[in-house]
Amino acid sequence: MVVLVVLAVLLAVGAPSFTTLIRDNRLVSSVYDLRGALGTARSEALAQRAFVTVCPSNDGASCSGSWTDGYIAFVDFDGDGTIDTGGTGPDDNLVLANVSGFDAIAITLAATDASGRLRFDPQGTALNNNGTFTFCDERGVSEARALFLSNAGSARSLEDSNDDGIVNLPAAEGGGNVSCP
């Protein structure tokens, strides 16, 4: 009986910590997944010597929905930002798709291009397509994560640079705190 009481106390104390650990890992995994996808898209642009578009997708076949739904990357031979097949030019090739979405995580993009799409040119740069992805769960901005895509095409995780407990935007975007929807 004493063993059961001790076990119950340990579970009551440990369960909230375990839940926090799972939520933290979900956020970090989401950041790493998207960072890897952006790196793959950039590498493909360099290898194919063509534009590669990365956009939100809820069906894995077209640019639609929000970043929270998932995303696709495709070689965009004509540079129009849509997947083309069966036309007069070469068919666009799907490079990768993540349409599983992200459980209980909202992903938003604040970018210089209002379309919500990112494009890597044949040199691997994301010129005029830089921006910040913010990853939020039900805990809000205090636990949010952020990923910055530079004009050069490299992605990096952002940190809390002023020790207020909230991740900061890069100086190029004002340096303030990230916000959650």
Protein backbone atom coordinates (compact mmCIF):
# COMPACT_ATOMS: atom_id res chain seq x y z
CA MET A 1 0.00 0.00 0.00
CA VAL A 2 2.85 2.38 0.84
CA VAL A 3 4.40 1.65 -2.55
CA LEU A 4 1.17 2.67 -4.28
CA VAL A 5 1.01 5.93 -2.33
CA VAL A 6 4.63 6.75 -3.19
CA LEU A 7 4.00 5.88 -6.83
CA ALA A 8 0.89 8.09 -6.92
CA VAL A 9 2.83 11.02 -5.46
CA LEU A 10 5.64 10.57 -7.97
CA LEU A 11 3.19 10.47 -10.86
CA ALA A 12 1.38 13.57 -9.60
CA VAL A 13 4.66 15.47 -9.41
CA GLY A 14 6.21 14.09 -12.61
CA ALA A 15 3.26 14.20 -15.01
CA PRO A 16 3.21 18.00 -15.51
CA SER A 17 6.96 18.01 -16.17
CA PHE A 18 6.57 15.22 -18.70
CA THR A 19 3.76 17.11 -20.46
CA THR A 20 5.96 20.21 -20.68
CA LEU A 21 8.80 18.12 -22.10
CA ILE A 22 6.51 16.69 -24.79
CA ARG A 23 5.22 20.15 -25.75
CA ASP A 24 8.76 21.56 -25.90
CA ASN A 25 9.90 18.68 -28.10
CA ARG A 26 6.93 19.16 -30.44
CA LEU A 27 7.82 22.83 -30.93
CA VAL A 28 11.51 22.17 -31.46
CA SER A 29 10.78 19.30 -33.88
CA SER A 30 8.50 21.56 -35.90
CA VAL A 31 11.24 24.18 -36.16
CA TYR A 32 13.80 21.57 -37.22
CA ASP A 33 11.41 20.04 -39.77
CA LEU A 34 10.78 23.36 -41.48
CA ARG A 35 14.43 24.40 -41.25
CA GLY A 36 15.41 21.14 -42.95
CA ALA A 37 12.78 21.66 -45.64
CA LEU A 38 14.07 25.16 -46.36
CA GLY A 39 17.63 23.80 -46.60
CA THR A 40 16.49 21.06 -48.97
CA ALA A 41 14.63 23.57 -51.14
CA ARG A 42 17.68 25.83 -51.30
CA SER A 43 19.96 22.91 -52.20
CA GLU A 44 17.55 21.81 -54.91
CA ALA A 45 17.51 25.33 -56.39
CA LEU A 46 21.29 25.22 -56.61
CA ALA A 47 21.39 21.68 -58.01
CA GLN A 48 18.66 22.22 -60.61
CA ARG A 49 19.75 25.79 -61.41
CA ALA A 50 16.08 26.74 -61.20
CA PHE A 51 13.66 28.55 -58.93
CA VAL A 52 12.25 26.50 -56.06
CA THR A 53 9.06 27.67 -54.35
CA VAL A 54 8.11 26.72 -50.79
CA CYS A 55 4.52 27.40 -49.77
CA PRO A 56 1.87 26.31 -47.30
CA SER A 57 -0.26 23.39 -48.47
CA ASN A 58 -3.15 21.48 -46.98
CA ASP A 59 -3.32 18.90 -49.78
CA GLY A 60 0.30 18.28 -50.79
CA ALA A 61 -0.43 19.22 -54.39
CA SER A 62 -0.96 22.98 -54.46
CA CYS A 63 -0.20 26.14 -52.52
CA SER A 64 -3.20 26.39 -50.22
CA GLY A 65 -4.12 26.67 -46.57
CA SER A 66 -1.76 27.90 -43.88
CA TRP A 67 1.73 26.93 -42.76
CA THR A 68 0.11 25.12 -39.81
CA ASP A 69 -1.53 22.69 -42.29
CA GLY A 70 1.81 21.68 -43.82
CA TYR A 71 3.91 22.79 -46.78
CA ILE A 72 5.35 21.77 -50.12
CA ALA A 73 8.46 22.67 -52.07
CA PHE A 74 8.72 22.33 -55.82
CA VAL A 75 11.06 23.20 -58.68
CA ASP A 76 9.25 26.11 -60.32
CA PHE A 77 10.66 26.17 -63.85
CA ASP A 78 8.57 29.11 -65.05
CA GLY A 79 8.80 30.99 -61.74
CA ASP A 80 5.06 31.59 -61.42
CA GLY A 81 4.71 30.18 -57.89
CA THR A 82 2.30 27.39 -58.86
CA ILE A 83 2.88 23.73 -59.68
CA ASP A 84 2.48 23.31 -63.43
CA THR A 85 2.05 19.99 -65.22
CA GLY A 86 1.04 19.15 -68.76
CA GLY A 87 1.77 22.57 -70.23
CA THR A 88 4.07 23.57 -73.05
CA GLY A 89 7.12 23.96 -70.81
CA PRO A 90 8.77 21.46 -68.49
CA ASP A 91 6.62 20.14 -65.66
CA ASP A 92 7.39 21.49 -62.19
CA ASN A 93 8.76 18.81 -59.87
CA LEU A 94 7.60 18.32 -56.31
CA VAL A 95 10.71 18.28 -54.12
CA LEU A 96 9.10 17.56 -50.77
CA ALA A 97 5.76 17.65 -49.05
CA ASN A 98 4.76 17.75 -45.41
CA VAL A 99 0.99 17.74 -45.23
CA SER A 100 0.61 16.05 -41.90
CA GLY A 101 0.33 19.42 -40.25
CA PHE A 102 1.48 20.19 -36.76
CA ASP A 103 -0.60 19.07 -33.80
CA ALA A 104 -1.56 21.97 -31.55
CA ILE A 105 1.09 24.25 -33.08
CA ALA A 106 0.30 27.43 -34.99
CA ILE A 107 2.92 28.46 -37.54
CA THR A 108 2.85 31.95 -38.99
CA LEU A 109 5.14 33.67 -41.45
CA ALA A 110 5.88 37.37 -41.47
CA ALA A 111 7.67 37.90 -44.80
CA THR A 112 8.59 40.68 -47.18
CA ASP A 113 6.62 38.90 -49.91
CA ALA A 114 2.90 39.24 -49.18
CA SER A 115 2.05 36.03 -51.07
CA GLY A 116 3.15 33.87 -48.14
CA ARG A 117 5.40 31.89 -50.47
CA LEU A 118 9.17 31.68 -50.37
CA ARG A 119 11.29 31.39 -53.49
CA PHE A 120 14.89 30.39 -53.82
CA ASP A 121 16.56 31.51 -57.02
CA PRO A 122 19.07 29.41 -59.00
CA GLN A 123 21.90 30.86 -56.87
CA GLY A 124 20.18 29.69 -53.66
CA THR A 125 19.23 33.13 -52.39
CA ALA A 126 15.82 34.06 -51.05
CA LEU A 127 16.12 37.66 -52.17
CA ASN A 128 13.02 39.69 -51.27
CA ASN A 129 11.61 36.60 -49.59
CA ASN A 130 13.19 36.79 -46.17
CA GLY A 131 10.97 36.44 -43.14
CA THR A 132 10.35 34.99 -39.72
CA PHE A 133 8.33 31.88 -38.93
CA THR A 134 6.80 31.84 -35.46
CA PHE A 135 5.83 28.54 -33.83
CA CYS A 136 3.29 28.78 -31.00
CA ASP A 137 1.33 26.29 -28.93
CA GLU A 138 -1.34 26.73 -26.27
CA ARG A 139 1.24 28.10 -23.80
CA GLY A 140 1.57 31.28 -25.84
CA VAL A 141 4.44 33.61 -26.54
CA SER A 142 6.48 32.70 -23.45
CA GLU A 143 7.26 29.28 -24.99
CA ALA A 144 7.20 30.28 -28.67
CA ARG A 145 10.04 29.46 -31.05
CA ALA A 146 11.06 31.32 -34.20
CA LEU A 147 13.00 30.64 -37.39
CA PHE A 148 14.47 33.42 -39.56
CA LEU A 149 15.14 33.03 -43.29
CA SER A 150 17.69 35.58 -44.51
CA ASN A 151 17.95 37.13 -47.98
CA ALA A 152 21.00 34.92 -48.52
CA GLY A 153 18.75 31.87 -48.16
CA SER A 154 20.01 30.55 -44.84
CA ALA A 155 17.65 29.71 -41.99
CA ARG A 156 18.52 30.09 -38.32
CA SER A 157 16.66 29.72 -35.05
CA LEU A 158 16.06 32.93 -33.13
CA GLU A 159 16.72 33.34 -29.42
CA ASP A 160 15.72 35.53 -26.51
CA SER A 161 18.44 38.18 -26.76
CA ASN A 162 17.21 40.54 -24.02
CA ASP A 163 16.46 37.96 -21.28
CA ASP A 164 12.76 38.80 -20.97
CA GLY A 165 11.73 35.18 -21.58
CA ILE A 166 10.39 35.80 -25.11
CA VAL A 167 12.19 35.09 -28.39
CA ASN A 168 13.24 38.25 -30.23
CA LEU A 169 12.89 39.13 -33.89
CA PRO A 170 16.10 39.93 -35.78
CA ALA A 171 17.26 43.54 -35.85
CA ALA A 172 16.25 43.73 -39.53
CA GLU A 173 12.64 43.21 -38.42
CA GLY A 174 12.72 45.64 -35.50
CA GLY A 175 14.22 43.38 -32.83
CA GLY A 176 11.02 43.25 -30.76
CA ASN A 177 9.42 40.15 -29.29
CA VAL A 178 7.70 37.56 -31.44
CA SER A 179 3.93 37.35 -31.09
CA CYS A 180 1.50 34.45 -31.27
CA PRO A 181 -1.85 34.49 -33.06
